[in-house]
Protein backbone atom coordinates (compact mmCIF):
# COMPACT_ATOMS: atom_id res chain seq x y z
CA MET A 1 23.84 11.68 21.03
CA ASN A 2 24.49 15.42 21.02
CA LYS A 3 22.12 17.41 18.90
CA THR A 4 24.13 20.35 17.61
CA GLU A 5 22.55 21.10 14.23
CA HIS A 6 19.69 23.56 13.79
CA ILE A 7 16.80 23.64 11.36
CA ILE A 8 14.80 26.84 11.15
CA LEU A 9 11.11 26.41 10.51
CA ARG A 10 8.88 29.36 9.77
CA CYS A 11 5.21 29.24 10.64
CA THR A 12 2.39 31.49 11.75
CA THR A 13 1.60 32.12 15.39
CA GLY A 14 -1.50 29.95 15.03
CA GLU A 15 0.45 27.10 13.47
CA LYS A 16 3.04 27.28 16.23
CA LYS A 17 0.27 27.12 18.83
CA ILE A 18 -1.29 24.07 17.15
CA ILE A 19 2.08 22.31 16.85
CA GLY A 20 2.82 23.11 20.49
CA GLN A 21 -0.54 21.67 21.59
CA LEU A 22 0.08 18.49 19.57
CA ALA A 23 3.54 18.17 21.11
CA LYS A 24 2.13 18.60 24.61
CA LYS A 25 -0.64 16.09 23.91
CA SER A 26 1.93 13.53 22.80
CA GLY A 27 4.09 14.18 25.88
CA LEU A 28 7.04 15.61 23.94
CA ASN A 29 8.73 18.96 23.81
CA LEU A 30 8.39 20.98 20.62
CA SER A 31 11.79 20.02 19.18
CA GLU A 32 11.35 16.29 19.80
CA TYR A 33 7.82 16.36 18.39
CA CYS A 34 8.95 18.12 15.18
CA ARG A 35 11.94 15.78 14.82
CA ARG A 36 9.82 12.64 15.17
CA GLN A 37 7.13 14.01 12.89
CA ALA A 38 9.70 14.82 10.19
CA ILE A 39 11.51 11.48 10.46
CA HIS A 40 8.61 9.08 11.00
CA GLY A 41 5.70 11.02 9.49
CA GLU A 42 3.49 10.57 12.54
CA VAL A 43 3.60 10.86 16.30
CA LYS A 44 1.10 8.94 18.38
CA ALA A 45 -0.47 10.98 21.14
CA ILE A 46 -0.38 8.93 24.31
CA PRO A 47 -1.77 10.67 27.36
CA LYS A 48 0.56 10.88 30.34
CA LEU A 49 -0.16 8.09 32.79
CA THR A 50 -0.69 8.62 36.48
CA GLN A 51 1.54 6.81 38.98
CA GLU A 52 -1.42 4.55 39.79
CA GLU A 53 -1.86 3.60 36.12
CA ILE A 54 1.86 2.94 35.75
CA GLY A 55 1.64 0.68 38.80
CA TYR A 56 -1.21 -1.25 37.23
CA PHE A 57 0.78 -1.84 34.05
CA HIS A 58 3.77 -3.06 36.02
CA LEU A 59 1.39 -5.43 37.78
CA LEU A 60 0.02 -6.63 34.43
CA LYS A 61 3.56 -7.31 33.22
CA THR A 62 4.21 -9.33 36.38
CA TYR A 63 1.02 -11.31 35.78
CA CYS A 64 2.14 -12.05 32.21
CA THR A 65 5.43 -13.40 33.50
CA HIS A 66 3.68 -15.59 36.07
CA PHE A 67 1.21 -16.92 33.50
CA ASN A 68 4.11 -17.85 31.22
CA ARG A 69 5.76 -19.71 34.08
CA LEU A 70 2.53 -21.54 34.94
CA SER A 71 2.11 -22.43 31.30
CA SER A 72 5.55 -24.00 31.26
CA LEU A 73 4.77 -26.01 34.38
CA ILE A 74 1.50 -27.50 33.07
CA ARG A 75 2.42 -27.83 29.40
CA LYS A 76 2.77 -31.60 29.56
CA LYS A 77 -0.34 -32.24 31.66
CA ASP A 78 -3.10 -30.23 29.93
CA PRO A 79 -2.37 -28.78 26.46
CA GLY A 80 -5.84 -27.15 26.25
CA LEU A 81 -5.25 -25.14 29.41
CA VAL A 82 -1.83 -24.12 28.11
CA GLU A 83 -3.45 -22.65 24.98
CA GLU A 84 -5.98 -20.68 27.05
CA ILE A 85 -3.15 -19.27 29.15
CA ARG A 86 -1.19 -18.34 26.02
CA GLN A 87 -4.17 -16.41 24.66
CA LEU A 88 -4.55 -14.53 27.95
CA VAL A 89 -0.84 -13.71 28.02
CA LYS A 90 -1.04 -12.50 24.43
CA LYS A 91 -3.94 -10.18 25.23
CA LEU A 92 -2.22 -8.80 28.32
CA THR A 93 1.02 -8.27 26.39
CA GLN A 94 -0.82 -6.40 23.62
CA LEU A 95 -2.51 -4.16 26.18
CA GLN A 96 0.79 -3.47 27.92
CA GLN A 97 2.56 -2.68 24.62
CA ARG A 98 -0.25 -0.39 23.51
CA ILE A 99 0.09 1.71 26.62
CA THR A 100 3.86 1.79 27.08
């Protein structure tokens, strides 16, 4: 979507510096940070991940998929094991969602 409208915001040099630092910390440019802050009321600061960390999270997602498949295969044979696998998948999914 094209962003063609402008909003002028006046602030002190110090305020602009603080807002800029918060934007950088959250991985956004100044405009996107201000837009999200105004619309949603908060912007979560998530540090930029290294390529290695991104690789680990892709690996975790793959593991989640494989655990779900294993769970489907053994569902009829051992319901207790299925529940343990579900809990592990849930924890891995929560971790993955928290980071991405």
